[in-house]
Amino acid sequence: MSKAINQMHIDVWKGDWGLPTIDIECLKTLTFIKFAGAPVCVNKTSNPFKTPNGALPVFRHCHTVLTSFEEVSGYLQKQNYSPDHNLSPKDCAEILAYSRLMREKLYPALQYIWWVDERNYVDLSRPWYAKALPFPLNYYYPGQYSKRAKHLLDSLYENIEEEPAVSKMYAEAEKCLTTLAHRLGDNSYFFGNNPTSFDAIVFGYLAPLLKAPFPSCSLQNHLKASTSLLKFVVNISKKYFPTEHKDYEEELKKQKSKAEIEFPNERRNQIMAGIFAVIAMLGYAYSMGIIETKRKNHVARS
C-alpha cells in the first residue's frame, strides 16, 4: 500500500484572526494533533456538504472516517500519538470532570454568542461563514447553524432570548472561566510542564472567543480580564501555530500604522466638516431672514 493511501488527513474550517481554524471542534482537534506530533495532512476545505454528518472536522485514515474530537483523539492515541502518556488516573478523572463542566456551562454561551446574539450573527458570524462557504451553500448553512444553536439553548434554558435567561447563561459561563483560571494559576499548562489533551480542549474553546472581533460579547471581556487564561491562549498560539500568529500580528501592526498616518488628516477633515456645517447653518439662517429679523428687532429696541 502506498504512503499516500496511508497518510492521515483532516478537513477543517479555514482560519482567521491568527487562528488556524475558527471552529471550536476543528481547533480542539488540530491542537491535539499538534501536541501529539501526529503526521496529519490538514485540508482547510470550509465545505461540510459531502461530510458524513454535514459538519467539520472530518478525519480520514485508510478506511477510517471520524467526525469528532473524541473519536480522533482516541484513534490517534491507539496509534501511539498522544500527549497524555504521563497522566495519572487521577489526572484523567479530573480532565473528564473539567471537560464536562466546559461542555455544560461554557459551550452553550459560545453557541449563543456565535449564532443567537442578533448583532453578532448579522455583523460577524453569518457574513464570515457566507464568505467561507461555496455558493450556494453559503445561503443554507449559516441559517442551519443558527437554528441548531437555538434548539440546543431552548433545551437548556427557558426563554433564552429574554434577559433573565441570558444573564443566567453568562453567569454560569463566567464562573466556568474563573474556575479554569484558578486551576491553571501561574502554570503554562493545566497538568505539568507539557500540554495535554485537556489543554487542547481549553484552547479550542477559548481562542476563538478571545480572537474573534465580536461586536457584542461581555464574555470576551471577562476572558481578557483573566491574565492566566489570556497568557495561556497567546503562548499556545505562538508556539504551536506560529505562522498564523505572526501573520496576524503583522497585519495588526500594518492597520495600526495606517491608522496613525491617517489620523492627522482624519482630524483635519473633522474640523473642516465642523466649520463647513456652521457656515452652512449661518447661511441657511440668513437666507431664511432669521439673522436679519433679529438684527432689525435689536435696532428697533435701540
C-alpha atoms as a PDB file:
ATOM      1  CA  MET A   1       0.000   0.000   0.000  1.00  0.00           C
ATOM      2  CA  SER A   2       1.395   3.411  -0.957  1.00  0.00           C
ATOM      3  CA  LYS A   3       2.412   6.061   1.523  1.00  0.00           C
ATOM      4  CA  ALA A   4      -0.263   8.432   0.130  1.00  0.00           C
ATOM      5  CA  ILE A   5      -3.004   5.928   0.958  1.00  0.00           C
ATOM      6  CA  ASN A   6      -1.639   5.503   4.488  1.00  0.00           C
ATOM      7  CA  GLN A   7      -1.494   9.273   5.054  1.00  0.00           C
ATOM      8  CA  MET A   8      -3.825  10.640   7.694  1.00  0.00           C
ATOM      9  CA  HIS A   9      -5.962  13.599   6.562  1.00  0.00           C
ATOM     10  CA  ILE A  10      -8.292  16.020   8.289  1.00  0.00           C
ATOM     11  CA  ASP A  11     -10.726  18.505   6.726  1.00  0.00           C
ATOM     12  CA  VAL A  12     -11.395  21.651   8.767  1.00  0.00           C
ATOM     13  CA  TRP A  13     -12.836  25.121   8.526  1.00  0.00           C
ATOM     14  CA  LYS A  14     -10.338  27.754   7.441  1.00  0.00           C
ATOM     15  CA  GLY A  15      -8.731  30.100   9.935  1.00  0.00           C
ATOM     16  CA  ASP A  16      -8.796  33.809  10.681  1.00  0.00           C
ATOM     17  CA  TRP A  17      -7.637  36.312  13.328  1.00  0.00           C
ATOM     18  CA  GLY A  18      -4.380  34.443  13.915  1.00  0.00           C
ATOM     19  CA  LEU A  19      -6.014  31.018  14.317  1.00  0.00           C
ATOM     20  CA  PRO A  20      -5.531  28.006  12.004  1.00  0.00           C
ATOM     21  CA  THR A  21      -9.290  27.424  12.155  1.00  0.00           C
ATOM     22  CA  ILE A  22     -12.040  29.381  13.910  1.00  0.00           C
ATOM     23  CA  ASP A  23     -14.325  26.410  14.581  1.00  0.00           C
ATOM     24  CA  ILE A  24     -14.223  25.077  18.151  1.00  0.00           C
ATOM     25  CA  GLU A  25     -14.290  21.362  17.297  1.00  0.00           C
ATOM     26  CA  CYS A  26     -11.797  21.767  14.458  1.00  0.00           C
ATOM     27  CA  LEU A  27      -9.469  23.808  16.648  1.00  0.00           C
ATOM     28  CA  LYS A  28      -9.586  21.330  19.532  1.00  0.00           C
ATOM     29  CA  THR A  29      -8.709  18.527  17.143  1.00  0.00           C
ATOM     30  CA  LEU A  30      -5.936  20.393  15.308  1.00  0.00           C
ATOM     31  CA  THR A  31      -4.373  21.427  18.609  1.00  0.00           C
ATOM     32  CA  PHE A  32      -4.431  17.852  19.881  1.00  0.00           C
ATOM     33  CA  ILE A  33      -2.729  16.736  16.674  1.00  0.00           C
ATOM     34  CA  LYS A  34      -0.037  19.373  17.191  1.00  0.00           C
ATOM     35  CA  PHE A  35       0.501  18.373  20.810  1.00  0.00           C
ATOM     36  CA  ALA A  36       0.671  14.680  19.879  1.00  0.00           C
ATOM     37  CA  GLY A  37       3.051  15.252  16.951  1.00  0.00           C
ATOM     38  CA  ALA A  38       0.846  13.196  14.642  1.00  0.00           C
ATOM     39  CA  PRO A  39       1.677  13.358  10.895  1.00  0.00           C
ATOM     40  CA  VAL A  40      -1.747  14.508   9.710  1.00  0.00           C
ATOM     41  CA  CYS A  41      -2.292  16.399   6.447  1.00  0.00           C
ATOM     42  CA  VAL A  42      -4.605  19.366   7.074  1.00  0.00           C
ATOM     43  CA  ASN A  43      -7.079  20.440   4.399  1.00  0.00           C
ATOM     44  CA  LYS A  44      -8.871  23.738   5.037  1.00  0.00           C
ATOM     45  CA  THR A  45     -11.904  22.980   2.926  1.00  0.00           C
ATOM     46  CA  SER A  46     -14.648  25.082   4.602  1.00  0.00           C
ATOM     47  CA  ASN A  47     -17.167  22.839   2.856  1.00  0.00           C
ATOM     48  CA  PRO A  48     -19.204  20.461   5.034  1.00  0.00           C
ATOM     49  CA  PHE A  49     -21.592  19.365   2.248  1.00  0.00           C
ATOM     50  CA  LYS A  50     -20.069  15.951   1.495  1.00  0.00           C
ATOM     51  CA  THR A  51     -19.158  15.115   5.077  1.00  0.00           C
ATOM     52  CA  PRO A  52     -20.840  12.218   6.929  1.00  0.00           C
ATOM     53  CA  ASN A  53     -22.845  14.453   9.281  1.00  0.00           C
ATOM     54  CA  GLY A  54     -22.799  17.812   7.497  1.00  0.00           C
ATOM     55  CA  ALA A  55     -20.135  19.229   9.784  1.00  0.00           C
ATOM     56  CA  LEU A  56     -16.382  19.583  10.188  1.00  0.00           C
ATOM     57  CA  PRO A  57     -13.845  18.283  11.157  1.00  0.00           C
ATOM     58  CA  VAL A  58     -13.601  15.040   9.211  1.00  0.00           C
ATOM     59  CA  PHE A  59     -10.591  12.792   9.829  1.00  0.00           C
ATOM     60  CA  ARG A  60      -9.653  10.046   7.342  1.00  0.00           C
ATOM     61  CA  HIS A  61      -7.072   7.290   7.537  1.00  0.00           C
ATOM     62  CA  CYS A  62      -7.267   4.246   5.243  1.00  0.00           C
ATOM     63  CA  HIS A  63     -10.892   3.137   5.647  1.00  0.00           C
ATOM     64  CA  THR A  64     -11.445   5.000   8.912  1.00  0.00           C
ATOM     65  CA  VAL A  65     -13.600   8.149   8.903  1.00  0.00           C
ATOM     66  CA  LEU A  66     -14.054  10.088  12.165  1.00  0.00           C
ATOM     67  CA  THR A  67     -16.015  13.278  12.839  1.00  0.00           C
ATOM     68  CA  SER A  68     -15.420  14.415  16.425  1.00  0.00           C
ATOM     69  CA  PHE A  69     -12.589  15.426  18.715  1.00  0.00           C
ATOM     70  CA  GLU A  70     -13.220  12.449  20.990  1.00  0.00           C
ATOM     71  CA  GLU A  71     -13.089   9.988  18.091  1.00  0.00           C
ATOM     72  CA  VAL A  72      -9.965  11.480  16.533  1.00  0.00           C
ATOM     73  CA  SER A  73      -8.030  11.828  19.797  1.00  0.00           C
ATOM     74  CA  GLY A  74      -8.960   8.280  20.808  1.00  0.00           C
ATOM     75  CA  TYR A  75      -7.894   6.910  17.429  1.00  0.00           C
ATOM     76  CA  LEU A  76      -4.554   8.730  17.463  1.00  0.00           C
ATOM     77  CA  GLN A  77      -3.849   7.530  20.984  1.00  0.00           C
ATOM     78  CA  LYS A  78      -4.239   3.947  19.750  1.00  0.00           C
ATOM     79  CA  GLN A  79      -1.686   4.795  17.049  1.00  0.00           C
ATOM     80  CA  ASN A  80       0.708   5.907  19.832  1.00  0.00           C
ATOM     81  CA  TYR A  81       0.202   9.617  19.109  1.00  0.00           C
ATOM     82  CA  SER A  82      -0.813  11.136  22.416  1.00  0.00           C
ATOM     83  CA  PRO A  83       0.244  13.991  24.715  1.00  0.00           C
ATOM     84  CA  ASP A  84      -1.316  12.189  27.708  1.00  0.00           C
ATOM     85  CA  HIS A  85       1.248   9.439  28.368  1.00  0.00           C
ATOM     86  CA  ASN A  86       2.349  10.888  31.713  1.00  0.00           C
ATOM     87  CA  LEU A  87      -1.105  11.486  33.147  1.00  0.00           C
ATOM     88  CA  SER A  88      -2.194   9.596  36.253  1.00  0.00           C
ATOM     89  CA  PRO A  89      -5.664   8.044  36.678  1.00  0.00           C
ATOM     90  CA  LYS A  90      -6.491  10.966  38.981  1.00  0.00           C
ATOM     91  CA  ASP A  91      -5.458  13.431  36.280  1.00  0.00           C
ATOM     92  CA  CYS A  92      -7.627  11.658  33.714  1.00  0.00           C
ATOM     93  CA  ALA A  93     -10.630  11.749  36.059  1.00  0.00           C
ATOM     94  CA  GLU A  94     -10.074  15.464  36.641  1.00  0.00           C
ATOM     95  CA  ILE A  95      -9.876  16.078  32.903  1.00  0.00           C
ATOM     96  CA  LEU A  96     -13.225  14.363  32.402  1.00  0.00           C
ATOM     97  CA  ALA A  97     -14.817  16.492  35.128  1.00  0.00           C
ATOM     98  CA  TYR A  98     -13.470  19.783  33.787  1.00  0.00           C
ATOM     99  CA  SER A  99     -14.318  18.861  30.197  1.00  0.00           C
ATOM    100  CA  ARG A 100     -17.895  18.139  31.237  1.00  0.00           C
ATOM    101  CA  LEU A 101     -18.037  21.457  33.084  1.00  0.00           C
ATOM    102  CA  MET A 102     -16.986  23.371  29.973  1.00  0.00           C
ATOM    103  CA  ARG A 103     -19.429  21.482  27.779  1.00  0.00           C
ATOM    104  CA  GLU A 104     -22.328  22.186  30.125  1.00  0.00           C
ATOM    105  CA  LYS A 105     -21.535  25.743  31.220  1.00  0.00           C
ATOM    106  CA  LEU A 106     -19.265  27.374  28.635  1.00  0.00           C
ATOM    107  CA  TYR A 107     -20.251  25.768  25.337  1.00  0.00           C
ATOM    108  CA  PRO A 108     -23.912  26.984  25.428  1.00  0.00           C
ATOM    109  CA  ALA A 109     -22.751  30.575  25.927  1.00  0.00           C
ATOM    110  CA  LEU A 110     -20.368  30.259  22.984  1.00  0.00           C
ATOM    111  CA  GLN A 111     -23.182  28.964  20.803  1.00  0.00           C
ATOM    112  CA  TYR A 112     -25.310  31.915  21.865  1.00  0.00           C
ATOM    113  CA  ILE A 113     -22.532  34.393  21.102  1.00  0.00           C
ATOM    114  CA  TRP A 114     -21.881  32.978  17.621  1.00  0.00           C
ATOM    115  CA  TRP A 115     -25.370  32.090  16.428  1.00  0.00           C
ATOM    116  CA  VAL A 116     -28.154  33.565  18.584  1.00  0.00           C
ATOM    117  CA  ASP A 117     -26.999  37.046  19.576  1.00  0.00           C
ATOM    118  CA  GLU A 118     -28.546  39.062  16.753  1.00  0.00           C
ATOM    119  CA  ARG A 119     -25.813  41.673  16.452  1.00  0.00           C
ATOM    120  CA  ASN A 120     -23.004  39.102  16.344  1.00  0.00           C
ATOM    121  CA  TYR A 121     -24.899  36.913  13.901  1.00  0.00           C
ATOM    122  CA  VAL A 122     -25.722  39.743  11.482  1.00  0.00           C
ATOM    123  CA  ASP A 123     -22.388  41.572  11.641  1.00  0.00           C
ATOM    124  CA  LEU A 124     -19.898  38.700  12.075  1.00  0.00           C
ATOM    125  CA  SER A 125     -20.995  35.051  12.056  1.00  0.00           C
ATOM    126  CA  ARG A 126     -23.327  34.982   9.059  1.00  0.00           C
ATOM    127  CA  PRO A 127     -21.140  37.113   6.739  1.00  0.00           C
ATOM    128  CA  TRP A 128     -17.959  35.237   7.755  1.00  0.00           C
ATOM    129  CA  TYR A 129     -19.402  31.801   7.045  1.00  0.00           C
ATOM    130  CA  ALA A 130     -21.236  33.036   3.954  1.00  0.00           C
ATOM    131  CA  LYS A 131     -17.899  34.193   2.560  1.00  0.00           C
ATOM    132  CA  ALA A 132     -16.068  30.992   3.549  1.00  0.00           C
ATOM    133  CA  LEU A 133     -18.681  28.622   2.118  1.00  0.00           C
ATOM    134  CA  PRO A 134     -19.008  27.963  -1.618  1.00  0.00           C
ATOM    135  CA  PHE A 135     -22.133  29.052  -3.490  1.00  0.00           C
ATOM    136  CA  PRO A 136     -24.984  28.110  -2.994  1.00  0.00           C
ATOM    137  CA  LEU A 137     -24.164  26.527   0.393  1.00  0.00           C
ATOM    138  CA  ASN A 138     -23.461  29.985   1.817  1.00  0.00           C
ATOM    139  CA  TYR A 139     -27.216  30.644   1.718  1.00  0.00           C
ATOM    140  CA  TYR A 140     -28.028  27.484   3.653  1.00  0.00           C
ATOM    141  CA  TYR A 141     -25.538  26.596   6.359  1.00  0.00           C
ATOM    142  CA  PRO A 142     -25.385  29.825   8.439  1.00  0.00           C
ATOM    143  CA  GLY A 143     -29.140  29.658   8.985  1.00  0.00           C
ATOM    144  CA  GLN A 144     -28.925  25.949   9.856  1.00  0.00           C
ATOM    145  CA  TYR A 145     -26.179  26.562  12.401  1.00  0.00           C
ATOM    146  CA  SER A 146     -28.269  29.313  13.973  1.00  0.00           C
ATOM    147  CA  LYS A 147     -31.325  27.037  14.198  1.00  0.00           C
ATOM    148  CA  ARG A 148     -29.223  24.248  15.716  1.00  0.00           C
ATOM    149  CA  ALA A 149     -27.816  26.599  18.353  1.00  0.00           C
ATOM    150  CA  LYS A 150     -31.284  27.917  19.236  1.00  0.00           C
ATOM    151  CA  HIS A 151     -32.581  24.359  19.575  1.00  0.00           C
ATOM    152  CA  LEU A 152     -29.730  23.493  21.950  1.00  0.00           C
ATOM    153  CA  LEU A 153     -30.274  26.583  24.075  1.00  0.00           C
ATOM    154  CA  ASP A 154     -34.050  26.099  24.167  1.00  0.00           C
ATOM    155  CA  SER A 155     -33.449  22.652  25.644  1.00  0.00           C
ATOM    156  CA  LEU A 156     -31.251  24.129  28.397  1.00  0.00           C
ATOM    157  CA  TYR A 157     -32.875  27.479  29.244  1.00  0.00           C
ATOM    158  CA  GLU A 158     -36.437  28.732  29.350  1.00  0.00           C
ATOM    159  CA  ASN A 159     -36.998  31.801  27.141  1.00  0.00           C
ATOM    160  CA  ILE A 160     -33.332  32.045  26.148  1.00  0.00           C
ATOM    161  CA  GLU A 161     -33.839  35.253  24.174  1.00  0.00           C
ATOM    162  CA  GLU A 162     -35.066  37.091  27.267  1.00  0.00           C
ATOM    163  CA  GLU A 163     -32.726  38.905  29.658  1.00  0.00           C
ATOM    164  CA  PRO A 164     -33.058  36.674  32.785  1.00  0.00           C
ATOM    165  CA  ALA A 165     -32.102  33.528  30.855  1.00  0.00           C
ATOM    166  CA  VAL A 166     -29.226  35.251  29.057  1.00  0.00           C
ATOM    167  CA  SER A 167     -27.887  36.650  32.332  1.00  0.00           C
ATOM    168  CA  LYS A 168     -28.016  33.212  33.944  1.00  0.00           C
ATOM    169  CA  MET A 169     -26.222  31.634  30.989  1.00  0.00           C
ATOM    170  CA  TYR A 170     -23.460  34.265  31.017  1.00  0.00           C
ATOM    171  CA  ALA A 171     -23.066  33.994  34.804  1.00  0.00           C
ATOM    172  CA  GLU A 172     -22.512  30.236  34.520  1.00  0.00           C
ATOM    173  CA  ALA A 173     -20.011  30.717  31.679  1.00  0.00           C
ATOM    174  CA  GLU A 174     -18.101  33.396  33.604  1.00  0.00           C
ATOM    175  CA  LYS A 175     -17.958  31.155  36.662  1.00  0.00           C
ATOM    176  CA  CYS A 176     -16.560  28.371  34.461  1.00  0.00           C
ATOM    177  CA  LEU A 177     -13.830  30.692  33.141  1.00  0.00           C
ATOM    178  CA  THR A 178     -12.960  31.747  36.681  1.00  0.00           C
ATOM    179  CA  THR A 179     -12.702  28.097  37.743  1.00  0.00           C
ATOM    180  CA  LEU A 180     -10.349  27.365  34.840  1.00  0.00           C
ATOM    181  CA  ALA A 181      -8.225  30.402  35.674  1.00  0.00           C
ATOM    182  CA  HIS A 182      -7.861  29.273  39.290  1.00  0.00           C
ATOM    183  CA  ARG A 183      -6.967  25.742  38.195  1.00  0.00           C
ATOM    184  CA  LEU A 184      -4.323  26.994  35.777  1.00  0.00           C
ATOM    185  CA  GLY A 185      -2.814  29.546  38.153  1.00  0.00           C
ATOM    186  CA  ASP A 186       0.624  30.713  37.051  1.00  0.00           C
ATOM    187  CA  ASN A 187       1.367  27.500  35.159  1.00  0.00           C
ATOM    188  CA  SER A 188       1.825  27.276  31.405  1.00  0.00           C
ATOM    189  CA  TYR A 189      -0.405  24.187  31.157  1.00  0.00           C
ATOM    190  CA  PHE A 190      -3.045  22.558  33.308  1.00  0.00           C
ATOM    191  CA  PHE A 191      -1.247  19.273  34.055  1.00  0.00           C
ATOM    192  CA  GLY A 192       2.511  19.575  34.350  1.00  0.00           C
ATOM    193  CA  ASN A 193       5.101  21.183  32.136  1.00  0.00           C
ATOM    194  CA  ASN A 194       3.792  19.805  28.850  1.00  0.00           C
ATOM    195  CA  PRO A 195       0.423  20.238  27.101  1.00  0.00           C
ATOM    196  CA  THR A 196      -2.182  17.503  27.277  1.00  0.00           C
ATOM    197  CA  SER A 197      -5.465  16.748  25.563  1.00  0.00           C
ATOM    198  CA  PHE A 198      -7.161  18.956  28.137  1.00  0.00           C
ATOM    199  CA  ASP A 199      -5.058  21.948  27.114  1.00  0.00           C
ATOM    200  CA  ALA A 200      -6.162  21.299  23.526  1.00  0.00           C
ATOM    201  CA  ILE A 201      -9.796  21.329  24.632  1.00  0.00           C
ATOM    202  CA  VAL A 202      -9.454  24.554  26.612  1.00  0.00           C
ATOM    203  CA  PHE A 203      -7.570  26.254  23.784  1.00  0.00           C
ATOM    204  CA  GLY A 204     -10.270  25.195  21.316  1.00  0.00           C
ATOM    205  CA  TYR A 205     -12.941  26.834  23.446  1.00  0.00           C
ATOM    206  CA  LEU A 206     -11.085  29.982  24.447  1.00  0.00           C
ATOM    207  CA  ALA A 207      -9.028  31.022  21.401  1.00  0.00           C
ATOM    208  CA  PRO A 208     -11.983  31.850  19.090  1.00  0.00           C
ATOM    209  CA  LEU A 209     -13.739  33.624  21.963  1.00  0.00           C
ATOM    210  CA  LEU A 210     -10.645  35.738  22.554  1.00  0.00           C
ATOM    211  CA  LYS A 211      -9.689  36.420  18.932  1.00  0.00           C
ATOM    212  CA  ALA A 212     -12.967  36.885  17.059  1.00  0.00           C
ATOM    213  CA  PRO A 213     -13.984  40.573  16.643  1.00  0.00           C
ATOM    214  CA  PHE A 214     -17.446  40.217  18.172  1.00  0.00           C
ATOM    215  CA  PRO A 215     -19.382  43.497  18.164  1.00  0.00           C
ATOM    216  CA  SER A 216     -21.308  42.294  21.241  1.00  0.00           C
ATOM    217  CA  CYS A 217     -19.639  39.995  23.780  1.00  0.00           C
ATOM    218  CA  SER A 218     -19.317  40.645  27.523  1.00  0.00           C
ATOM    219  CA  LEU A 219     -17.899  37.143  27.990  1.00  0.00           C
ATOM    220  CA  GLN A 220     -14.946  38.088  25.782  1.00  0.00           C
ATOM    221  CA  ASN A 221     -14.195  40.983  28.113  1.00  0.00           C
ATOM    222  CA  HIS A 222     -14.325  38.605  31.084  1.00  0.00           C
ATOM    223  CA  LEU A 223     -11.786  36.346  29.376  1.00  0.00           C
ATOM    224  CA  LYS A 224      -9.493  39.257  28.537  1.00  0.00           C
ATOM    225  CA  ALA A 225      -9.522  40.251  32.210  1.00  0.00           C
ATOM    226  CA  SER A 226      -8.064  36.852  33.172  1.00  0.00           C
ATOM    227  CA  THR A 227      -4.287  37.216  32.904  1.00  0.00           C
ATOM    228  CA  SER A 228      -3.581  33.488  33.233  1.00  0.00           C
ATOM    229  CA  LEU A 229      -6.062  32.374  30.537  1.00  0.00           C
ATOM    230  CA  LEU A 230      -5.036  35.205  28.225  1.00  0.00           C
ATOM    231  CA  LYS A 231      -1.374  34.182  28.554  1.00  0.00           C
ATOM    232  CA  PHE A 232      -2.352  30.531  28.033  1.00  0.00           C
ATOM    233  CA  VAL A 233      -4.035  31.237  24.684  1.00  0.00           C
ATOM    234  CA  VAL A 234      -1.301  33.555  23.422  1.00  0.00           C
ATOM    235  CA  ASN A 235       1.536  31.180  24.349  1.00  0.00           C
ATOM    236  CA  ILE A 236      -0.050  28.188  22.584  1.00  0.00           C
ATOM    237  CA  SER A 237      -0.752  30.310  19.513  1.00  0.00           C
ATOM    238  CA  LYS A 238       2.867  31.459  19.359  1.00  0.00           C
ATOM    239  CA  LYS A 239       4.404  28.046  19.951  1.00  0.00           C
ATOM    240  CA  TYR A 240       2.165  25.684  18.009  1.00  0.00           C
ATOM    241  CA  PHE A 241       0.645  27.912  15.331  1.00  0.00           C
ATOM    242  CA  PRO A 242       3.475  30.418  14.774  1.00  0.00           C
ATOM    243  CA  THR A 243       2.765  31.177  11.112  1.00  0.00           C
ATOM    244  CA  GLU A 244      -0.844  32.191  11.673  1.00  0.00           C
ATOM    245  CA  HIS A 245       0.024  34.108  14.825  1.00  0.00           C
ATOM    246  CA  LYS A 246       2.892  36.013  13.189  1.00  0.00           C
ATOM    247  CA  ASP A 247       0.898  36.877  10.072  1.00  0.00           C
ATOM    248  CA  TYR A 248      -1.960  38.205  12.187  1.00  0.00           C
ATOM    249  CA  GLU A 249       0.344  40.278  14.411  1.00  0.00           C
ATOM    250  CA  GLU A 250       1.958  41.814  11.330  1.00  0.00           C
ATOM    251  CA  GLU A 251      -1.463  42.616   9.883  1.00  0.00           C
ATOM    252  CA  LEU A 252      -2.467  44.331  13.123  1.00  0.00           C
ATOM    253  CA  LYS A 253       0.742  46.391  13.032  1.00  0.00           C
ATOM    254  CA  LYS A 254       0.010  47.467   9.464  1.00  0.00           C
ATOM    255  CA  GLN A 255      -3.516  48.503  10.400  1.00  0.00           C
ATOM    256  CA  LYS A 256      -2.212  50.458  13.399  1.00  0.00           C
ATOM    257  CA  SER A 257       0.431  52.230  11.298  1.00  0.00           C
ATOM    258  CA  LYS A 258      -2.151  53.098   8.664  1.00  0.00           C
ATOM    259  CA  ALA A 259      -4.480  54.482  11.316  1.00  0.00           C
ATOM    260  CA  GLU A 260      -1.675  56.597  12.799  1.00  0.00           C
ATOM    261  CA  ILE A 261      -0.826  58.004   9.367  1.00  0.00           C
ATOM    262  CA  GLU A 262      -4.444  58.758   8.570  1.00  0.00           C
ATOM    263  CA  PHE A 263      -5.257  60.272  11.973  1.00  0.00           C
ATOM    264  CA  PRO A 264      -3.985  63.853  11.294  1.00  0.00           C
ATOM    265  CA  ASN A 265      -5.897  64.004   8.010  1.00  0.00           C
ATOM    266  CA  GLU A 266      -8.948  62.499   9.657  1.00  0.00           C
ATOM    267  CA  ARG A 267      -8.799  65.083  12.449  1.00  0.00           C
ATOM    268  CA  ARG A 268      -8.364  67.879   9.909  1.00  0.00           C
ATOM    269  CA  ASN A 269     -11.336  66.624   7.913  1.00  0.00           C
ATOM    270  CA  GLN A 270     -13.467  66.523  11.051  1.00  0.00           C
ATOM    271  CA  ILE A 271     -12.556  70.146  11.882  1.00  0.00           C
ATOM    272  CA  MET A 272     -13.219  71.283   8.314  1.00  0.00           C
ATOM    273  CA  ALA A 273     -16.522  69.438   8.307  1.00  0.00           C
ATOM    274  CA  GLY A 274     -17.490  71.202  11.549  1.00  0.00           C
ATOM    275  CA  ILE A 275     -16.585  74.631  10.143  1.00  0.00           C
ATOM    276  CA  PHE A 276     -18.499  73.902   6.955  1.00  0.00           C
ATOM    277  CA  ALA A 277     -21.542  72.828   8.971  1.00  0.00           C
ATOM    278  CA  VAL A 278     -21.504  76.076  10.975  1.00  0.00           C
ATOM    279  CA  ILE A 279     -21.162  78.178   7.805  1.00  0.00           C
ATOM    280  CA  ALA A 280     -23.983  76.239   6.180  1.00  0.00           C
ATOM    281  CA  MET A 281     -26.247  76.788   9.197  1.00  0.00           C
ATOM    282  CA  LEU A 282     -25.475  80.530   9.250  1.00  0.00           C
ATOM    283  CA  GLY A 283     -26.103  80.756   5.516  1.00  0.00           C
ATOM    284  CA  TYR A 284     -29.416  78.974   5.907  1.00  0.00           C
ATOM    285  CA  ALA A 285     -30.431  81.247   8.792  1.00  0.00           C
ATOM    286  CA  TYR A 286     -29.536  84.355   6.793  1.00  0.00           C
ATOM    287  CA  SER A 287     -31.399  83.147   3.701  1.00  0.00           C
ATOM    288  CA  MET A 288     -34.495  82.499   5.790  1.00  0.00           C
ATOM    289  CA  GLY A 289     -34.295  86.006   7.292  1.00  0.00           C
ATOM    290  CA  ILE A 290     -33.699  84.759  10.829  1.00  0.00           C
ATOM    291  CA  ILE A 291     -30.489  86.700  11.357  1.00  0.00           C
ATOM    292  CA  GLU A 292     -31.818  89.794   9.568  1.00  0.00           C
ATOM    293  CA  THR A 293     -35.016  89.777  11.629  1.00  0.00           C
ATOM    294  CA  LYS A 294     -33.118  89.584  14.898  1.00  0.00           C
ATOM    295  CA  ARG A 295     -30.860  92.469  13.770  1.00  0.00           C
ATOM    296  CA  LYS A 296     -33.870  94.672  12.891  1.00  0.00           C
ATOM    297  CA  ASN A 297     -35.547  93.876  16.205  1.00  0.00           C
ATOM    298  CA  HIS A 298     -32.375  94.851  18.004  1.00  0.00           C
ATOM    299  CA  VAL A 299     -32.169  98.176  16.120  1.00  0.00           C
ATOM    300  CA  ALA A 300     -35.837  98.888  16.837  1.00  0.00           C
ATOM    301  CA  ARG A 301     -35.377  98.393  20.575  1.00  0.00           C
ATOM    302  CA  SER A 302     -32.380 100.697  20.494  1.00  0.00           C
END
